[in-house]
Every structure is written in C-alpha cells, then in structure tokens.
C-alpha cells in the first residue's frame, strides 16, 4: 500500500510545481506565492485566484532626520528619525475580496536646514485590514545644541493580530566647542534593519543619511564650526509583504 501511495504522489507532482502550502518541496496540497510592495507609491493588491488565506506584514515609514543649525564656534547635531512599527495579520480570501488598496505614499521629508525637525513617516496599510504607523521625525538642533531622537511608530495605533512598536532614533550630540568628539543622531533601525549611519562634521556641515527601506529612520545632520546648517536624511519607505497560501 505504501508503494502505491508513493507512486500516486509522484505522478501528481512535477519539478516545476510551486512550494507546497504545508512546507517542503512540491506537494499535492497547494502552493505558496508572495507579493511585495516596497516602493513609495500607492498601488493595488490582487490576490492569487486560488487563495485560501494570506499572512500580511506591514511596516510603517521611517521618520525624517532632524536638521542642524549654523554653529561657527561649536557643534549642532540633529536627532535621528524614529522607525516604523511592524504589524502581522492572517486574512482569509473572503476578508481580502477581489482586491485591496496598498497605501505607501512618498517617504517622509527630511528636516529643514535651519534646525528644523524631520517630518513623521506616513502610515503603511493594506486597505483597513493591516495598518502600521510611521515613526516620528528627529528633532532639529539649535546653535551648539543637539536634537532629540524621534519616537518609533506606536503599535497601539495599528491594526492587525500582532503589533510591535518601532525603534526610536538616537539624539544628536551638540557642543560649545568644535573639538568635541560628537556625532549627529543615528536613524532608527527598521524592523528589518537599514538604519542610517550617523554623520560627523569636521569644520563642515554634513547632510544626514537616508534611512533604508522598510521603515528605517533618517539620520540627523551635523554642523561643526561653520556658518551654515544642513538637512536631516529622508526616512525610509514602508513595506507590505504578503504570503499567499493557495489551494493549488
């Protein structure tokens, strides 16, 4: 009997089959497919025609980094932007329907050059079924001062089965002298990494680095011993990752 079942299994599977719903190589039970939305643009999710259920993961956008201010005799360092929150939800084909809108609008703006704070990251969502919150912008820095790190996106504002707060950005380091070993605020890690590396001026002004995709915060700007400020880095885009479990 075991040999007969094994032969039946082999006759129904081919090397070209998709990964099985229940794991491993090809099986007779169905397939697993994926769809990803990672660019800063709204779109539409159309599920697989044979969908049974899907696991959807949403990550909010990162906040922009804080700007630095003219500091001819010292250091001005903006704070890093906060990371987006993470949300996971299991949805049936009936809940998803024929399609759902994906919202992942343009990434948050950086801080203004004159010590402005970074703009908060936008929320990322699949219709109203999965919603993740964007991180807050990093604080702008005044003359010879530091900007506060942005707060991560709050899980409490999201929608889904499993929700995690975003990481917070680091504060900048200001000083009243130009020889102090300081750095601007590091942008927060997104749930999948991608933090903006902190910048450090040397009798110069340096723009903050942009955060990586999937919710990393933008880095703060740094001004050391010069009469001009810089903008913080742009927050990273959000992400929507959908794993579909299909009947075939």
C-alpha atoms as a PDB file:
ATOM      1  CA  UNK A   1       0.000   0.000   0.000  1.00  0.00           C
ATOM      2  CA  UNK A   2       2.839   2.411   0.854  1.00  0.00           C
ATOM      3  CA  UNK A   3       4.408   1.851  -2.556  1.00  0.00           C
ATOM      4  CA  UNK A   4       1.102   2.525  -4.298  1.00  0.00           C
ATOM      5  CA  UNK A   5       0.657   5.808  -2.388  1.00  0.00           C
ATOM      6  CA  UNK A   6       4.217   6.847  -3.171  1.00  0.00           C
ATOM      7  CA  UNK A   7       3.683   6.211  -6.889  1.00  0.00           C
ATOM      8  CA  UNK A   8       0.428   8.196  -6.786  1.00  0.00           C
ATOM      9  CA  UNK A   9       2.248  11.081  -5.091  1.00  0.00           C
ATOM     10  CA  UNK A  10       4.997  11.135  -7.701  1.00  0.00           C
ATOM     11  CA  UNK A  11       2.512  11.024 -10.560  1.00  0.00           C
ATOM     12  CA  UNK A  12       0.737  14.120  -9.263  1.00  0.00           C
ATOM     13  CA  UNK A  13       3.866  16.226  -8.585  1.00  0.00           C
ATOM     14  CA  UNK A  14       6.389  17.704 -11.007  1.00  0.00           C
ATOM     15  CA  UNK A  15       9.675  19.502 -10.509  1.00  0.00           C
ATOM     16  CA  UNK A  16       8.020  22.673 -11.805  1.00  0.00           C
ATOM     17  CA  UNK A  17       5.405  22.764  -9.023  1.00  0.00           C
ATOM     18  CA  UNK A  18       5.412  25.634  -6.520  1.00  0.00           C
ATOM     19  CA  UNK A  19       6.406  25.186  -2.898  1.00  0.00           C
ATOM     20  CA  UNK A  20       3.689  23.309  -1.017  1.00  0.00           C
ATOM     21  CA  UNK A  21       1.316  25.021   1.384  1.00  0.00           C
ATOM     22  CA  UNK A  22       2.434  22.729   4.182  1.00  0.00           C
ATOM     23  CA  UNK A  23       6.150  23.221   3.645  1.00  0.00           C
ATOM     24  CA  UNK A  24       8.884  21.312   1.874  1.00  0.00           C
ATOM     25  CA  UNK A  25       9.070  20.743  -1.859  1.00  0.00           C
ATOM     26  CA  UNK A  26       6.132  20.330  -4.208  1.00  0.00           C
ATOM     27  CA  UNK A  27       3.071  18.658  -2.687  1.00  0.00           C
ATOM     28  CA  UNK A  28      -0.448  17.814  -3.788  1.00  0.00           C
ATOM     29  CA  UNK A  29      -1.934  20.176  -1.219  1.00  0.00           C
ATOM     30  CA  UNK A  30      -1.415  23.543  -2.900  1.00  0.00           C
ATOM     31  CA  UNK A  31       1.154  26.302  -3.338  1.00  0.00           C
ATOM     32  CA  UNK A  32       2.693  29.313  -1.638  1.00  0.00           C
ATOM     33  CA  UNK A  33       3.141  32.589  -3.529  1.00  0.00           C
ATOM     34  CA  UNK A  34       4.340  36.028  -2.433  1.00  0.00           C
ATOM     35  CA  UNK A  35       3.716  39.650  -3.339  1.00  0.00           C
ATOM     36  CA  UNK A  36       5.757  42.638  -2.137  1.00  0.00           C
ATOM     37  CA  UNK A  37       5.093  46.398  -2.110  1.00  0.00           C
ATOM     38  CA  UNK A  38       8.277  48.235  -1.112  1.00  0.00           C
ATOM     39  CA  UNK A  39       8.412  51.434  -3.152  1.00  0.00           C
ATOM     40  CA  UNK A  40       6.984  54.772  -2.045  1.00  0.00           C
ATOM     41  CA  UNK A  41       3.869  54.609  -4.178  1.00  0.00           C
ATOM     42  CA  UNK A  42       0.251  53.573  -3.683  1.00  0.00           C
ATOM     43  CA  UNK A  43      -0.946  50.518  -5.593  1.00  0.00           C
ATOM     44  CA  UNK A  44      -3.484  47.670  -5.571  1.00  0.00           C
ATOM     45  CA  UNK A  45      -3.095  44.128  -4.269  1.00  0.00           C
ATOM     46  CA  UNK A  46      -4.904  41.482  -6.316  1.00  0.00           C
ATOM     47  CA  UNK A  47      -4.752  38.082  -4.605  1.00  0.00           C
ATOM     48  CA  UNK A  48      -3.934  34.764  -6.225  1.00  0.00           C
ATOM     49  CA  UNK A  49      -7.003  33.287  -7.920  1.00  0.00           C
ATOM     50  CA  UNK A  50      -6.738  30.140  -5.762  1.00  0.00           C
ATOM     51  CA  UNK A  51      -6.121  31.915  -2.452  1.00  0.00           C
ATOM     52  CA  UNK A  52      -7.227  30.218   0.763  1.00  0.00           C
ATOM     53  CA  UNK A  53      -5.656  32.661   3.220  1.00  0.00           C
ATOM     54  CA  UNK A  54      -2.732  35.087   3.408  1.00  0.00           C
ATOM     55  CA  UNK A  55      -0.304  36.310   6.048  1.00  0.00           C
ATOM     56  CA  UNK A  56       0.240  40.055   5.610  1.00  0.00           C
ATOM     57  CA  UNK A  57       3.105  42.021   7.179  1.00  0.00           C
ATOM     58  CA  UNK A  58       3.078  45.830   7.175  1.00  0.00           C
ATOM     59  CA  UNK A  59       5.874  48.207   8.212  1.00  0.00           C
ATOM     60  CA  UNK A  60       5.310  51.952   8.586  1.00  0.00           C
ATOM     61  CA  UNK A  61       7.629  54.531   7.063  1.00  0.00           C
ATOM     62  CA  UNK A  62      10.621  55.908   8.964  1.00  0.00           C
ATOM     63  CA  UNK A  63      10.648  59.491  10.200  1.00  0.00           C
ATOM     64  CA  UNK A  64      12.985  62.062   8.670  1.00  0.00           C
ATOM     65  CA  UNK A  65      16.175  63.108  10.480  1.00  0.00           C
ATOM     66  CA  UNK A  66      16.492  66.471  12.220  1.00  0.00           C
ATOM     67  CA  UNK A  67      18.400  69.364  10.651  1.00  0.00           C
ATOM     68  CA  UNK A  68      21.413  71.224  12.058  1.00  0.00           C
ATOM     69  CA  UNK A  69      21.903  74.968  12.555  1.00  0.00           C
ATOM     70  CA  UNK A  70      24.789  77.319  11.794  1.00  0.00           C
ATOM     71  CA  UNK A  71      27.307  76.880  14.644  1.00  0.00           C
ATOM     72  CA  UNK A  72      30.518  78.791  13.919  1.00  0.00           C
ATOM     73  CA  UNK A  73      32.022  78.167  17.359  1.00  0.00           C
ATOM     74  CA  UNK A  74      30.551  74.794  18.269  1.00  0.00           C
ATOM     75  CA  UNK A  75      28.543  71.762  17.151  1.00  0.00           C
ATOM     76  CA  UNK A  76      24.880  71.438  16.148  1.00  0.00           C
ATOM     77  CA  UNK A  77      23.579  67.885  15.573  1.00  0.00           C
ATOM     78  CA  UNK A  78      20.056  66.857  14.608  1.00  0.00           C
ATOM     79  CA  UNK A  79      18.311  63.798  16.049  1.00  0.00           C
ATOM     80  CA  UNK A  80      17.687  60.596  14.115  1.00  0.00           C
ATOM     81  CA  UNK A  81      14.192  59.751  12.891  1.00  0.00           C
ATOM     82  CA  UNK A  82      12.095  57.022  14.524  1.00  0.00           C
ATOM     83  CA  UNK A  83      11.425  53.681  12.837  1.00  0.00           C
ATOM     84  CA  UNK A  84       8.072  52.439  11.571  1.00  0.00           C
ATOM     85  CA  UNK A  85       6.023  49.914  13.533  1.00  0.00           C
ATOM     86  CA  UNK A  86       5.514  46.271  12.489  1.00  0.00           C
ATOM     87  CA  UNK A  87       2.124  44.589  12.096  1.00  0.00           C
ATOM     88  CA  UNK A  88       1.254  41.000  11.100  1.00  0.00           C
ATOM     89  CA  UNK A  89      -2.211  39.649  10.349  1.00  0.00           C
ATOM     90  CA  UNK A  90      -3.752  36.463   8.911  1.00  0.00           C
ATOM     91  CA  UNK A  91      -6.566  37.101   6.434  1.00  0.00           C
ATOM     92  CA  UNK A  92      -8.921  34.739   4.624  1.00  0.00           C
ATOM     93  CA  UNK A  93      -9.745  35.049   0.940  1.00  0.00           C
ATOM     94  CA  UNK A  94     -13.227  36.256   1.918  1.00  0.00           C
ATOM     95  CA  UNK A  95     -11.789  39.060   4.061  1.00  0.00           C
ATOM     96  CA  UNK A  96      -9.488  40.237   1.272  1.00  0.00           C
ATOM     97  CA  UNK A  97     -12.064  40.029  -1.501  1.00  0.00           C
ATOM     98  CA  UNK A  98     -11.251  40.808  -5.134  1.00  0.00           C
ATOM     99  CA  UNK A  99      -8.549  43.363  -4.257  1.00  0.00           C
ATOM    100  CA  UNK A 100      -7.274  45.772  -1.613  1.00  0.00           C
ATOM    101  CA  UNK A 101      -5.589  49.167  -1.900  1.00  0.00           C
ATOM    102  CA  UNK A 102      -1.984  49.367  -0.702  1.00  0.00           C
ATOM    103  CA  UNK A 103      -1.004  52.707   0.840  1.00  0.00           C
ATOM    104  CA  UNK A 104       2.711  53.501   0.910  1.00  0.00           C
ATOM    105  CA  UNK A 105       2.934  57.158  -0.083  1.00  0.00           C
ATOM    106  CA  UNK A 106       6.097  59.177  -0.663  1.00  0.00           C
ATOM    107  CA  UNK A 107       8.716  58.888   2.065  1.00  0.00           C
ATOM    108  CA  UNK A 108       8.787  61.482   4.832  1.00  0.00           C
ATOM    109  CA  UNK A 109      10.635  64.743   4.228  1.00  0.00           C
ATOM    110  CA  UNK A 110      13.911  65.499   5.960  1.00  0.00           C
ATOM    111  CA  UNK A 111      14.347  68.340   8.442  1.00  0.00           C
ATOM    112  CA  UNK A 112      14.798  71.926   7.304  1.00  0.00           C
ATOM    113  CA  UNK A 113      18.378  73.204   7.068  1.00  0.00           C
ATOM    114  CA  UNK A 114      17.839  75.838   9.744  1.00  0.00           C
ATOM    115  CA  UNK A 115      17.465  73.344  12.585  1.00  0.00           C
ATOM    116  CA  UNK A 116      14.025  72.096  11.578  1.00  0.00           C
ATOM    117  CA  UNK A 117      12.613  68.807  12.807  1.00  0.00           C
ATOM    118  CA  UNK A 118      12.151  65.861  10.463  1.00  0.00           C
ATOM    119  CA  UNK A 119       8.670  65.020   9.232  1.00  0.00           C
ATOM    120  CA  UNK A 120       6.922  61.958  10.623  1.00  0.00           C
ATOM    121  CA  UNK A 121       6.760  58.888   8.390  1.00  0.00           C
ATOM    122  CA  UNK A 122       3.446  58.042   6.787  1.00  0.00           C
ATOM    123  CA  UNK A 123       1.385  55.008   7.749  1.00  0.00           C
ATOM    124  CA  UNK A 124       1.525  51.919   5.532  1.00  0.00           C
ATOM    125  CA  UNK A 125      -1.580  49.795   5.003  1.00  0.00           C
ATOM    126  CA  UNK A 126      -3.449  47.107   3.104  1.00  0.00           C
ATOM    127  CA  UNK A 127      -6.926  48.577   2.974  1.00  0.00           C
ATOM    128  CA  UNK A 128      -8.133  48.783   6.579  1.00  0.00           C
ATOM    129  CA  UNK A 129      -7.063  45.187   7.289  1.00  0.00           C
ATOM    130  CA  UNK A 130      -3.379  45.784   8.082  1.00  0.00           C
ATOM    131  CA  UNK A 131      -2.195  49.209   9.256  1.00  0.00           C
ATOM    132  CA  UNK A 132       1.280  50.100  10.591  1.00  0.00           C
ATOM    133  CA  UNK A 133       2.261  53.512  11.929  1.00  0.00           C
ATOM    134  CA  UNK A 134       5.136  55.675  10.741  1.00  0.00           C
ATOM    135  CA  UNK A 135       7.974  56.832  13.006  1.00  0.00           C
ATOM    136  CA  UNK A 136       8.276  60.397  14.322  1.00  0.00           C
ATOM    137  CA  UNK A 137      10.800  62.827  12.888  1.00  0.00           C
ATOM    138  CA  UNK A 138      14.102  63.561  14.617  1.00  0.00           C
ATOM    139  CA  UNK A 139      14.361  66.869  16.462  1.00  0.00           C
ATOM    140  CA  UNK A 140      16.108  69.822  14.890  1.00  0.00           C
ATOM    141  CA  UNK A 141      19.185  71.205  16.658  1.00  0.00           C
ATOM    142  CA  UNK A 142      19.713  74.791  17.744  1.00  0.00           C
ATOM    143  CA  UNK A 143      23.113  76.559  17.778  1.00  0.00           C
ATOM    144  CA  UNK A 144      25.693  74.493  19.708  1.00  0.00           C
ATOM    145  CA  UNK A 145      22.950  72.047  20.722  1.00  0.00           C
ATOM    146  CA  UNK A 146      21.517  68.625  19.987  1.00  0.00           C
ATOM    147  CA  UNK A 147      18.195  67.429  18.604  1.00  0.00           C
ATOM    148  CA  UNK A 148      16.157  64.665  20.254  1.00  0.00           C
ATOM    149  CA  UNK A 149      15.698  61.287  18.589  1.00  0.00           C
ATOM    150  CA  UNK A 150      12.321  60.571  17.017  1.00  0.00           C
ATOM    151  CA  UNK A 151       9.907  58.113  18.646  1.00  0.00           C
ATOM    152  CA  UNK A 152       9.137  54.867  16.816  1.00  0.00           C
ATOM    153  CA  UNK A 153       5.702  54.225  15.328  1.00  0.00           C
ATOM    154  CA  UNK A 154       3.252  53.120  18.037  1.00  0.00           C
ATOM    155  CA  UNK A 155       1.787  49.642  17.800  1.00  0.00           C
ATOM    156  CA  UNK A 156      -1.328  50.808  19.647  1.00  0.00           C
ATOM    157  CA  UNK A 157      -2.362  52.828  16.600  1.00  0.00           C
ATOM    158  CA  UNK A 158      -2.023  49.927  14.176  1.00  0.00           C
ATOM    159  CA  UNK A 159      -4.442  47.248  13.000  1.00  0.00           C
ATOM    160  CA  UNK A 160      -3.591  43.542  12.962  1.00  0.00           C
ATOM    161  CA  UNK A 161      -3.113  40.366  15.005  1.00  0.00           C
ATOM    162  CA  UNK A 162       0.475  41.029  16.128  1.00  0.00           C
ATOM    163  CA  UNK A 163       1.895  44.539  16.575  1.00  0.00           C
ATOM    164  CA  UNK A 164       5.318  45.860  17.645  1.00  0.00           C
ATOM    165  CA  UNK A 165       6.421  49.443  18.326  1.00  0.00           C
ATOM    166  CA  UNK A 166       9.031  50.936  16.001  1.00  0.00           C
ATOM    167  CA  UNK A 167      12.531  51.656  17.296  1.00  0.00           C
ATOM    168  CA  UNK A 168      13.444  55.150  18.461  1.00  0.00           C
ATOM    169  CA  UNK A 169      16.121  57.286  16.787  1.00  0.00           C
ATOM    170  CA  UNK A 170      19.230  58.459  18.637  1.00  0.00           C
ATOM    171  CA  UNK A 171      19.705  62.016  19.891  1.00  0.00           C
ATOM    172  CA  UNK A 172      22.355  64.225  18.326  1.00  0.00           C
ATOM    173  CA  UNK A 173      25.379  65.476  20.243  1.00  0.00           C
ATOM    174  CA  UNK A 174      25.887  69.239  20.498  1.00  0.00           C
ATOM    175  CA  UNK A 175      28.800  71.178  21.985  1.00  0.00           C
ATOM    176  CA  UNK A 176      30.029  74.717  22.582  1.00  0.00           C
ATOM    177  CA  UNK A 177      33.484  73.876  21.183  1.00  0.00           C
ATOM    178  CA  UNK A 178      34.467  72.452  17.805  1.00  0.00           C
ATOM    179  CA  UNK A 179      36.967  69.896  19.130  1.00  0.00           C
ATOM    180  CA  UNK A 180      34.430  67.761  20.999  1.00  0.00           C
ATOM    181  CA  UNK A 181      34.038  64.186  19.597  1.00  0.00           C
ATOM    182  CA  UNK A 182      30.387  64.385  18.607  1.00  0.00           C
ATOM    183  CA  UNK A 183      28.069  62.845  16.046  1.00  0.00           C
ATOM    184  CA  UNK A 184      24.590  63.518  14.752  1.00  0.00           C
ATOM    185  CA  UNK A 185      21.700  61.278  15.760  1.00  0.00           C
ATOM    186  CA  UNK A 186      21.565  57.829  14.165  1.00  0.00           C
ATOM    187  CA  UNK A 187      18.329  56.967  12.393  1.00  0.00           C
ATOM    188  CA  UNK A 188      16.378  54.131  13.988  1.00  0.00           C
ATOM    189  CA  UNK A 189      16.652  50.575  12.740  1.00  0.00           C
ATOM    190  CA  UNK A 190      13.585  49.422  10.877  1.00  0.00           C
ATOM    191  CA  UNK A 191      12.109  46.020  11.827  1.00  0.00           C
ATOM    192  CA  UNK A 192      14.373  44.515   9.134  1.00  0.00           C
ATOM    193  CA  UNK A 193      17.386  46.787   9.743  1.00  0.00           C
ATOM    194  CA  UNK A 194      18.585  49.525   7.378  1.00  0.00           C
ATOM    195  CA  UNK A 195      19.468  52.234   9.918  1.00  0.00           C
ATOM    196  CA  UNK A 196      21.059  55.418   8.587  1.00  0.00           C
ATOM    197  CA  UNK A 197      24.697  55.692   9.689  1.00  0.00           C
ATOM    198  CA  UNK A 198      25.346  58.717  11.899  1.00  0.00           C
ATOM    199  CA  UNK A 199      27.346  61.541  10.296  1.00  0.00           C
ATOM    200  CA  UNK A 200      30.067  63.668  11.894  1.00  0.00           C
ATOM    201  CA  UNK A 201      31.309  67.000  10.580  1.00  0.00           C
ATOM    202  CA  UNK A 202      34.878  68.309  10.791  1.00  0.00           C
ATOM    203  CA  UNK A 203      34.759  72.084  10.423  1.00  0.00           C
ATOM    204  CA  UNK A 204      31.955  71.486   7.959  1.00  0.00           C
ATOM    205  CA  UNK A 205      28.253  70.809   7.630  1.00  0.00           C
ATOM    206  CA  UNK A 206      27.031  67.356   6.627  1.00  0.00           C
ATOM    207  CA  UNK A 207      23.588  66.230   5.463  1.00  0.00           C
ATOM    208  CA  UNK A 208      22.069  63.278   7.312  1.00  0.00           C
ATOM    209  CA  UNK A 209      21.932  59.870   5.604  1.00  0.00           C
ATOM    210  CA  UNK A 210      18.638  58.466   4.347  1.00  0.00           C
ATOM    211  CA  UNK A 211      17.043  55.522   6.131  1.00  0.00           C
ATOM    212  CA  UNK A 212      16.813  52.146   4.396  1.00  0.00           C
ATOM    213  CA  UNK A 213      13.583  50.714   3.022  1.00  0.00           C
ATOM    214  CA  UNK A 214      11.081  49.008   5.304  1.00  0.00           C
ATOM    215  CA  UNK A 215      10.781  51.662   7.973  1.00  0.00           C
ATOM    216  CA  UNK A 216      14.269  52.848   8.976  1.00  0.00           C
ATOM    217  CA  UNK A 217      14.577  56.410  10.277  1.00  0.00           C
ATOM    218  CA  UNK A 218      16.629  59.097   8.558  1.00  0.00           C
ATOM    219  CA  UNK A 219      19.874  60.285  10.151  1.00  0.00           C
ATOM    220  CA  UNK A 220      20.342  63.719  11.702  1.00  0.00           C
ATOM    221  CA  UNK A 221      22.505  66.443  10.132  1.00  0.00           C
ATOM    222  CA  UNK A 222      25.753  67.765  11.632  1.00  0.00           C
ATOM    223  CA  UNK A 223      27.323  71.231  11.630  1.00  0.00           C
ATOM    224  CA  UNK A 224      30.764  71.796  13.166  1.00  0.00           C
ATOM    225  CA  UNK A 225      32.425  75.229  13.247  1.00  0.00           C
ATOM    226  CA  UNK A 226      30.732  76.680  10.189  1.00  0.00           C
ATOM    227  CA  UNK A 227      28.095  79.308   9.468  1.00  0.00           C
ATOM    228  CA  UNK A 228      25.595  77.092   7.645  1.00  0.00           C
ATOM    229  CA  UNK A 229      23.218  74.276   8.531  1.00  0.00           C
ATOM    230  CA  UNK A 230      22.182  71.057   6.801  1.00  0.00           C
ATOM    231  CA  UNK A 231      19.112  68.923   6.318  1.00  0.00           C
ATOM    232  CA  UNK A 232      18.456  65.611   8.007  1.00  0.00           C
ATOM    233  CA  UNK A 233      18.176  62.412   5.972  1.00  0.00           C
ATOM    234  CA  UNK A 234      14.923  61.197   4.498  1.00  0.00           C
ATOM    235  CA  UNK A 235      13.006  58.450   6.271  1.00  0.00           C
ATOM    236  CA  UNK A 236      12.866  55.003   4.642  1.00  0.00           C
ATOM    237  CA  UNK A 237       9.797  53.845   2.751  1.00  0.00           C
ATOM    238  CA  UNK A 238       7.315  51.421   4.259  1.00  0.00           C
ATOM    239  CA  UNK A 239       6.798  47.820   3.148  1.00  0.00           C
ATOM    240  CA  UNK A 240       3.913  45.410   2.653  1.00  0.00           C
ATOM    241  CA  UNK A 241       4.813  41.717   2.385  1.00  0.00           C
ATOM    242  CA  UNK A 242       2.110  39.182   1.564  1.00  0.00           C
ATOM    243  CA  UNK A 243       2.499  35.410   1.718  1.00  0.00           C
ATOM    244  CA  UNK A 244      -0.387  33.628  -0.020  1.00  0.00           C
ATOM    245  CA  UNK A 245      -1.451  30.062   0.788  1.00  0.00           C
ATOM    246  CA  UNK A 246      -3.374  28.684  -2.178  1.00  0.00           C
ATOM    247  CA  UNK A 247      -5.470  25.624  -2.931  1.00  0.00           C
ATOM    248  CA  UNK A 248      -3.278  24.850  -5.928  1.00  0.00           C
END
